[in-house]
Amino acid sequence: MYKRKSYEHEKELRAVIMNRNNSQGKIVKVDLNILINRVYVAPNSKKWFYELLKKTLVRFGLSKEVINSVIDKSPLY
């Protein structure tokens, strides 16, 4: 429910549907091609993970850019 301030630039959307009468949850259909613009990978991720993520996106029909996050790099002053 919370996000670090340092990730604010990503403009991520998180949605939660609350139904107090049903503790099992509910499946909601969404179009991931509309919801996802690009995918960020943690800066210390291994190359194999980056490649696996790209293959997984293709497998599910998502043509999205995969970017190595630079959040841990030294800032430019």
PDB file of N, CA and C in Angstrom:
ATOM      1  N   MET A   1       0.814  -1.196   0.000  1.00  0.00           N
ATOM      2  CA  MET A   1       0.000   0.000   0.000  1.00  0.00           C
ATOM      3  C   MET A   1       0.859   1.263   0.000  1.00  0.00           C
ATOM      4  N   TYR A   2       2.142   1.112   0.342  1.00  0.00           N
ATOM      5  CA  TYR A   2       3.019   2.273   0.401  1.00  0.00           C
ATOM      6  C   TYR A   2       4.184   2.091  -0.553  1.00  0.00           C
ATOM      7  N   LYS A   3       4.746   3.207  -0.970  1.00  0.00           N
ATOM      8  CA  LYS A   3       5.848   3.193  -1.924  1.00  0.00           C
ATOM      9  C   LYS A   3       6.901   4.199  -1.469  1.00  0.00           C
ATOM     10  N   ARG A   4       8.165   3.848  -1.649  1.00  0.00           N
ATOM     11  CA  ARG A   4       9.234   4.767  -1.278  1.00  0.00           C
ATOM     12  C   ARG A   4       9.190   6.023  -2.149  1.00  0.00           C
ATOM     13  N   LYS A   5       9.488   7.137  -1.548  1.00  0.00           N
ATOM     14  CA  LYS A   5       9.490   8.428  -2.247  1.00  0.00           C
ATOM     15  C   LYS A   5      10.437   8.405  -3.447  1.00  0.00           C
ATOM     16  N   SER A   6      11.536   7.664  -3.343  1.00  0.00           N
ATOM     17  CA  SER A   6      12.530   7.633  -4.428  1.00  0.00           C
ATOM     18  C   SER A   6      11.987   7.000  -5.706  1.00  0.00           C
ATOM     19  N   TYR A   7      10.854   6.298  -5.616  1.00  0.00           N
ATOM     20  CA  TYR A   7      10.253   5.674  -6.798  1.00  0.00           C
ATOM     21  C   TYR A   7       9.054   6.475  -7.320  1.00  0.00           C
ATOM     22  N   GLU A   8       8.833   7.652  -6.784  1.00  0.00           N
ATOM     23  CA  GLU A   8       7.679   8.468  -7.163  1.00  0.00           C
ATOM     24  C   GLU A   8       7.652   8.773  -8.665  1.00  0.00           C
ATOM     25  N   HIS A   9       8.815   8.940  -9.266  1.00  0.00           N
ATOM     26  CA  HIS A   9       8.890   9.292 -10.692  1.00  0.00           C
ATOM     27  C   HIS A   9       8.299   8.219 -11.603  1.00  0.00           C
ATOM     28  N   GLU A  10       8.175   6.988 -11.105  1.00  0.00           N
ATOM     29  CA  GLU A  10       7.659   5.903 -11.937  1.00  0.00           C
ATOM     30  C   GLU A  10       6.159   6.007 -12.172  1.00  0.00           C
ATOM     31  N   LYS A  11       5.469   6.808 -11.384  1.00  0.00           N
ATOM     32  CA  LYS A  11       4.027   7.030 -11.546  1.00  0.00           C
ATOM     33  C   LYS A  11       3.249   5.723 -11.596  1.00  0.00           C
ATOM     34  N   GLU A  12       3.629   4.801 -10.737  1.00  0.00           N
ATOM     35  CA  GLU A  12       3.004   3.483 -10.669  1.00  0.00           C
ATOM     36  C   GLU A  12       1.579   3.597 -10.135  1.00  0.00           C
ATOM     37  N   LEU A  13       0.723   2.781 -10.672  1.00  0.00           N
ATOM     38  CA  LEU A  13      -0.656   2.709 -10.210  1.00  0.00           C
ATOM     39  C   LEU A  13      -0.857   1.389  -9.477  1.00  0.00           C
ATOM     40  N   ARG A  14      -1.403   1.468  -8.293  1.00  0.00           N
ATOM     41  CA  ARG A  14      -1.738   0.272  -7.533  1.00  0.00           C
ATOM     42  C   ARG A  14      -3.232   0.313  -7.245  1.00  0.00           C
ATOM     43  N   ALA A  15      -3.906  -0.771  -7.536  1.00  0.00           N
ATOM     44  CA  ALA A  15      -5.351  -0.816  -7.327  1.00  0.00           C
ATOM     45  C   ALA A  15      -5.702  -1.978  -6.411  1.00  0.00           C
ATOM     46  N   VAL A  16      -6.608  -1.721  -5.492  1.00  0.00           N
ATOM     47  CA  VAL A  16      -7.074  -2.742  -4.571  1.00  0.00           C
ATOM     48  C   VAL A  16      -8.591  -2.679  -4.546  1.00  0.00           C
ATOM     49  N   ILE A  17      -9.232  -3.827  -4.714  1.00  0.00           N
ATOM     50  CA  ILE A  17     -10.681  -3.902  -4.617  1.00  0.00           C
ATOM     51  C   ILE A  17     -11.007  -4.589  -3.306  1.00  0.00           C
ATOM     52  N   MET A  18     -11.669  -3.875  -2.432  1.00  0.00           N
ATOM     53  CA  MET A  18     -12.003  -4.406  -1.113  1.00  0.00           C
ATOM     54  C   MET A  18     -13.453  -4.881  -1.103  1.00  0.00           C
ATOM     55  N   ASN A  19     -13.659  -6.103  -0.632  1.00  0.00           N
ATOM     56  CA  ASN A  19     -15.000  -6.639  -0.455  1.00  0.00           C
ATOM     57  C   ASN A  19     -15.009  -7.339   0.895  1.00  0.00           C
ATOM     58  N   ARG A  20     -15.555  -6.708   1.880  1.00  0.00           N
ATOM     59  CA  ARG A  20     -15.524  -7.247   3.245  1.00  0.00           C
ATOM     60  C   ARG A  20     -16.379  -8.494   3.414  1.00  0.00           C
ATOM     61  N   ASN A  21     -17.277  -8.771   2.466  1.00  0.00           N
ATOM     62  CA  ASN A  21     -18.149  -9.937   2.561  1.00  0.00           C
ATOM     63  C   ASN A  21     -17.538 -11.180   1.925  1.00  0.00           C
ATOM     64  N   ASN A  22     -16.405 -11.027   1.238  1.00  0.00           N
ATOM     65  CA  ASN A  22     -15.800 -12.157   0.524  1.00  0.00           C
ATOM     66  C   ASN A  22     -14.293 -12.138   0.756  1.00  0.00           C
ATOM     67  N   SER A  23     -13.805 -13.006   1.605  1.00  0.00           N
ATOM     68  CA  SER A  23     -12.378 -13.017   1.937  1.00  0.00           C
ATOM     69  C   SER A  23     -11.547 -13.798   0.920  1.00  0.00           C
ATOM     70  N   GLN A  24     -12.188 -14.389  -0.104  1.00  0.00           N
ATOM     71  CA  GLN A  24     -11.467 -15.183  -1.089  1.00  0.00           C
ATOM     72  C   GLN A  24     -10.926 -14.356  -2.244  1.00  0.00           C
ATOM     73  N   GLY A  25     -11.287 -13.121  -2.340  1.00  0.00           N
ATOM     74  CA  GLY A  25     -10.823 -12.286  -3.427  1.00  0.00           C
ATOM     75  C   GLY A  25     -11.719 -12.389  -4.651  1.00  0.00           C
ATOM     76  N   LYS A  26     -11.360 -11.645  -5.666  1.00  0.00           N
ATOM     77  CA  LYS A  26     -12.158 -11.599  -6.882  1.00  0.00           C
ATOM     78  C   LYS A  26     -11.235 -11.408  -8.076  1.00  0.00           C
ATOM     79  N   ILE A  27     -11.468 -12.155  -9.136  1.00  0.00           N
ATOM     80  CA  ILE A  27     -10.680 -12.006 -10.350  1.00  0.00           C
ATOM     81  C   ILE A  27     -11.252 -10.843 -11.157  1.00  0.00           C
ATOM     82  N   VAL A  28     -10.376  -9.928 -11.543  1.00  0.00           N
ATOM     83  CA  VAL A  28     -10.779  -8.768 -12.332  1.00  0.00           C
ATOM     84  C   VAL A  28      -9.965  -8.777 -13.613  1.00  0.00           C
ATOM     85  N   LYS A  29     -10.635  -8.794 -14.758  1.00  0.00           N
ATOM     86  CA  LYS A  29      -9.937  -8.803 -16.041  1.00  0.00           C
ATOM     87  C   LYS A  29      -9.412  -7.408 -16.353  1.00  0.00           C
ATOM     88  N   VAL A  30      -8.159  -7.370 -16.783  1.00  0.00           N
ATOM     89  CA  VAL A  30      -7.527  -6.105 -17.175  1.00  0.00           C
ATOM     90  C   VAL A  30      -6.729  -6.327 -18.452  1.00  0.00           C
ATOM     91  N   ASP A  31      -6.475  -5.269 -19.175  1.00  0.00           N
ATOM     92  CA  ASP A  31      -5.645  -5.319 -20.367  1.00  0.00           C
ATOM     93  C   ASP A  31      -4.254  -4.816 -19.985  1.00  0.00           C
ATOM     94  N   LEU A  32      -3.300  -5.733 -19.832  1.00  0.00           N
ATOM     95  CA  LEU A  32      -1.958  -5.357 -19.401  1.00  0.00           C
ATOM     96  C   LEU A  32      -1.245  -4.472 -20.403  1.00  0.00           C
ATOM     97  N   ASN A  33      -1.595  -4.566 -21.688  1.00  0.00           N
ATOM     98  CA  ASN A  33      -0.980  -3.688 -22.683  1.00  0.00           C
ATOM     99  C   ASN A  33      -1.355  -2.228 -22.459  1.00  0.00           C
ATOM    100  N   ILE A  34      -2.494  -1.996 -21.817  1.00  0.00           N
ATOM    101  CA  ILE A  34      -2.894  -0.630 -21.486  1.00  0.00           C
ATOM    102  C   ILE A  34      -2.277  -0.201 -20.152  1.00  0.00           C
ATOM    103  N   LEU A  35      -2.242  -1.116 -19.196  1.00  0.00           N
ATOM    104  CA  LEU A  35      -1.764  -0.779 -17.855  1.00  0.00           C
ATOM    105  C   LEU A  35      -0.250  -0.631 -17.743  1.00  0.00           C
ATOM    106  N   ILE A  36       0.501  -1.368 -18.562  1.00  0.00           N
ATOM    107  CA  ILE A  36       1.965  -1.373 -18.441  1.00  0.00           C
ATOM    108  C   ILE A  36       2.582  -0.571 -19.576  1.00  0.00           C
ATOM    109  N   ASN A  37       3.406   0.416 -19.221  1.00  0.00           N
ATOM    110  CA  ASN A  37       4.146   1.188 -20.224  1.00  0.00           C
ATOM    111  C   ASN A  37       5.540   0.608 -20.446  1.00  0.00           C
ATOM    112  N   ARG A  38       6.207   0.299 -19.346  1.00  0.00           N
ATOM    113  CA  ARG A  38       7.555  -0.269 -19.396  1.00  0.00           C
ATOM    114  C   ARG A  38       7.800  -1.005 -18.090  1.00  0.00           C
ATOM    115  N   VAL A  39       8.834  -1.843 -18.073  1.00  0.00           N
ATOM    116  CA  VAL A  39       9.156  -2.636 -16.889  1.00  0.00           C
ATOM    117  C   VAL A  39      10.558  -2.266 -16.430  1.00  0.00           C
ATOM    118  N   TYR A  40      10.690  -1.922 -15.166  1.00  0.00           N
ATOM    119  CA  TYR A  40      11.994  -1.596 -14.586  1.00  0.00           C
ATOM    120  C   TYR A  40      12.525  -2.798 -13.821  1.00  0.00           C
ATOM    121  N   VAL A  41      13.815  -3.071 -14.016  1.00  0.00           N
ATOM    122  CA  VAL A  41      14.485  -4.170 -13.340  1.00  0.00           C
ATOM    123  C   VAL A  41      15.437  -3.573 -12.301  1.00  0.00           C
ATOM    124  N   ALA A  42      15.481  -4.183 -11.131  1.00  0.00           N
ATOM    125  CA  ALA A  42      16.367  -3.700 -10.069  1.00  0.00           C
ATOM    126  C   ALA A  42      17.801  -3.590 -10.582  1.00  0.00           C
ATOM    127  N   PRO A  43      18.520  -2.554 -10.171  1.00  0.00           N
ATOM    128  CA  PRO A  43      19.860  -2.312 -10.705  1.00  0.00           C
ATOM    129  C   PRO A  43      20.868  -3.437 -10.450  1.00  0.00           C
ATOM    130  N   ASN A  44      20.670  -4.222  -9.410  1.00  0.00           N
ATOM    131  CA  ASN A  44      21.625  -5.296  -9.115  1.00  0.00           C
ATOM    132  C   ASN A  44      21.159  -6.653  -9.632  1.00  0.00           C
ATOM    133  N   SER A  45      20.134  -6.669 -10.482  1.00  0.00           N
ATOM    134  CA  SER A  45      19.635  -7.932 -11.040  1.00  0.00           C
ATOM    135  C   SER A  45      20.656  -8.549 -11.988  1.00  0.00           C
ATOM    136  N   LYS A  46      20.697  -9.848 -11.998  1.00  0.00           N
ATOM    137  CA  LYS A  46      21.599 -10.578 -12.894  1.00  0.00           C
ATOM    138  C   LYS A  46      21.082 -10.514 -14.324  1.00  0.00           C
ATOM    139  N   LYS A  47      21.994 -10.672 -15.274  1.00  0.00           N
ATOM    140  CA  LYS A  47      21.648 -10.633 -16.695  1.00  0.00           C
ATOM    141  C   LYS A  47      20.601 -11.697 -17.043  1.00  0.00           C
ATOM    142  N   TRP A  48      20.693 -12.893 -16.439  1.00  0.00           N
ATOM    143  CA  TRP A  48      19.747 -13.966 -16.736  1.00  0.00           C
ATOM    144  C   TRP A  48      18.321 -13.564 -16.368  1.00  0.00           C
ATOM    145  N   PHE A  49      18.177 -12.784 -15.272  1.00  0.00           N
ATOM    146  CA  PHE A  49      16.845 -12.355 -14.862  1.00  0.00           C
ATOM    147  C   PHE A  49      16.267 -11.362 -15.866  1.00  0.00           C
ATOM    148  N   TYR A  50      17.096 -10.439 -16.314  1.00  0.00           N
ATOM    149  CA  TYR A  50      16.694  -9.463 -17.327  1.00  0.00           C
ATOM    150  C   TYR A  50      16.211 -10.176 -18.588  1.00  0.00           C
ATOM    151  N   GLU A  51      16.974 -11.154 -19.048  1.00  0.00           N
ATOM    152  CA  GLU A  51      16.606 -11.906 -20.256  1.00  0.00           C
ATOM    153  C   GLU A  51      15.341 -12.734 -20.041  1.00  0.00           C
ATOM    154  N   LEU A  52      15.213 -13.347 -18.865  1.00  0.00           N
ATOM    155  CA  LEU A  52      14.020 -14.132 -18.554  1.00  0.00           C
ATOM    156  C   LEU A  52      12.772 -13.249 -18.541  1.00  0.00           C
ATOM    157  N   LEU A  53      12.901 -12.073 -17.996  1.00  0.00           N
ATOM    158  CA  LEU A  53      11.779 -11.144 -17.960  1.00  0.00           C
ATOM    159  C   LEU A  53      11.346 -10.751 -19.377  1.00  0.00           C
ATOM    160  N   LYS A  54      12.303 -10.462 -20.236  1.00  0.00           N
ATOM    161  CA  LYS A  54      11.980 -10.115 -21.620  1.00  0.00           C
ATOM    162  C   LYS A  54      11.262 -11.265 -22.318  1.00  0.00           C
ATOM    163  N   LYS A  55      11.735 -12.501 -22.120  1.00  0.00           N
ATOM    164  CA  LYS A  55      11.094 -13.670 -22.727  1.00  0.00           C
ATOM    165  C   LYS A  55       9.688 -13.885 -22.179  1.00  0.00           C
ATOM    166  N   THR A  56       9.499 -13.636 -20.896  1.00  0.00           N
ATOM    167  CA  THR A  56       8.190 -13.803 -20.280  1.00  0.00           C
ATOM    168  C   THR A  56       7.192 -12.800 -20.847  1.00  0.00           C
ATOM    169  N   LEU A  57       7.624 -11.574 -21.043  1.00  0.00           N
ATOM    170  CA  LEU A  57       6.744 -10.567 -21.644  1.00  0.00           C
ATOM    171  C   LEU A  57       6.315 -10.993 -23.044  1.00  0.00           C
ATOM    172  N   VAL A  58       7.270 -11.477 -23.837  1.00  0.00           N
ATOM    173  CA  VAL A  58       6.953 -11.937 -25.196  1.00  0.00           C
ATOM    174  C   VAL A  58       5.978 -13.102 -25.139  1.00  0.00           C
ATOM    175  N   ARG A  59       6.221 -14.030 -24.232  1.00  0.00           N
ATOM    176  CA  ARG A  59       5.359 -15.216 -24.102  1.00  0.00           C
ATOM    177  C   ARG A  59       3.899 -14.846 -23.861  1.00  0.00           C
ATOM    178  N   PHE A  60       3.691 -13.769 -23.102  1.00  0.00           N
ATOM    179  CA  PHE A  60       2.332 -13.351 -22.783  1.00  0.00           C
ATOM    180  C   PHE A  60       1.837 -12.218 -23.677  1.00  0.00           C
ATOM    181  N   GLY A  61       2.538 -11.993 -24.782  1.00  0.00           N
ATOM    182  CA  GLY A  61       2.082 -11.027 -25.774  1.00  0.00           C
ATOM    183  C   GLY A  61       2.215  -9.572 -25.386  1.00  0.00           C
ATOM    184  N   LEU A  62       3.161  -9.284 -24.518  1.00  0.00           N
ATOM    185  CA  LEU A  62       3.387  -7.911 -24.086  1.00  0.00           C
ATOM    186  C   LEU A  62       4.667  -7.368 -24.711  1.00  0.00           C
ATOM    187  N   SER A  63       4.527  -6.393 -25.556  1.00  0.00           N
ATOM    188  CA  SER A  63       5.680  -5.781 -26.203  1.00  0.00           C
ATOM    189  C   SER A  63       6.027  -4.506 -25.435  1.00  0.00           C
ATOM    190  N   LYS A  64       6.776  -4.671 -24.358  1.00  0.00           N
ATOM    191  CA  LYS A  64       7.098  -3.546 -23.481  1.00  0.00           C
ATOM    192  C   LYS A  64       8.599  -3.416 -23.304  1.00  0.00           C
ATOM    193  N   GLU A  65       9.041  -2.191 -23.129  1.00  0.00           N
ATOM    194  CA  GLU A  65      10.461  -1.905 -22.916  1.00  0.00           C
ATOM    195  C   GLU A  65      10.870  -2.382 -21.521  1.00  0.00           C
ATOM    196  N   VAL A  66      12.027  -3.036 -21.442  1.00  0.00           N
ATOM    197  CA  VAL A  66      12.578  -3.476 -20.164  1.00  0.00           C
ATOM    198  C   VAL A  66      13.812  -2.619 -19.885  1.00  0.00           C
ATOM    199  N   ILE A  67      13.816  -1.935 -18.759  1.00  0.00           N
ATOM    200  CA  ILE A  67      14.849  -0.961 -18.439  1.00  0.00           C
ATOM    201  C   ILE A  67      15.535  -1.341 -17.135  1.00  0.00           C
ATOM    202  N   ASN A  68      16.861  -1.281 -17.111  1.00  0.00           N
ATOM    203  CA  ASN A  68      17.603  -1.445 -15.862  1.00  0.00           C
ATOM    204  C   ASN A  68      17.477  -0.150 -15.073  1.00  0.00           C
ATOM    205  N   SER A  69      16.916  -0.224 -13.883  1.00  0.00           N
ATOM    206  CA  SER A  69      16.745   0.954 -13.047  1.00  0.00           C
ATOM    207  C   SER A  69      18.099   1.525 -12.649  1.00  0.00           C
ATOM    208  N   VAL A  70      18.169   2.851 -12.566  1.00  0.00           N
ATOM    209  CA  VAL A  70      19.408   3.526 -12.152  1.00  0.00           C
ATOM    210  C   VAL A  70      19.241   4.163 -10.776  1.00  0.00           C
ATOM    211  N   ILE A  71      18.235   3.733 -10.044  1.00  0.00           N
ATOM    212  CA  ILE A  71      17.900   4.372  -8.761  1.00  0.00           C
ATOM    213  C   ILE A  71      19.068   4.307  -7.765  1.00  0.00           C
ATOM    214  N   ASP A  72      19.927   3.300  -7.870  1.00  0.00           N
ATOM    215  CA  ASP A  72      21.043   3.182  -6.926  1.00  0.00           C
ATOM    216  C   ASP A  72      22.321   3.876  -7.375  1.00  0.00           C
ATOM    217  N   LYS A  73      22.346   4.427  -8.577  1.00  0.00           N
ATOM    218  CA  LYS A  73      23.551   5.101  -9.056  1.00  0.00           C
ATOM    219  C   LYS A  73      23.775   6.401  -8.300  1.00  0.00           C
ATOM    220  N   SER A  74      25.020   6.849  -8.288  1.00  0.00           N
ATOM    221  CA  SER A  74      25.343   8.106  -7.627  1.00  0.00           C
ATOM    222  C   SER A  74      24.649   9.272  -8.340  1.00  0.00           C
ATOM    223  N   PRO A  75      24.110  10.200  -7.593  1.00  0.00           N
ATOM    224  CA  PRO A  75      23.421  11.330  -8.222  1.00  0.00           C
ATOM    225  C   PRO A  75      24.401  12.279  -8.916  1.00  0.00           C
ATOM    226  N   LEU A  76      23.928  12.940  -9.942  1.00  0.00           N
ATOM    227  CA  LEU A  76      24.712  13.986 -10.601  1.00  0.00           C
ATOM    228  C   LEU A  76      24.359  15.308  -9.951  1.00  0.00           C
ATOM    229  N   TYR A  77      25.384  15.999  -9.455  1.00  0.00           N
ATOM    230  CA  TYR A  77      25.125  17.277  -8.776  1.00  0.00           C
ATOM    231  C   TYR A  77      25.416  18.422  -9.685  1.00  0.00           C
TER     232      TYR A  77
END
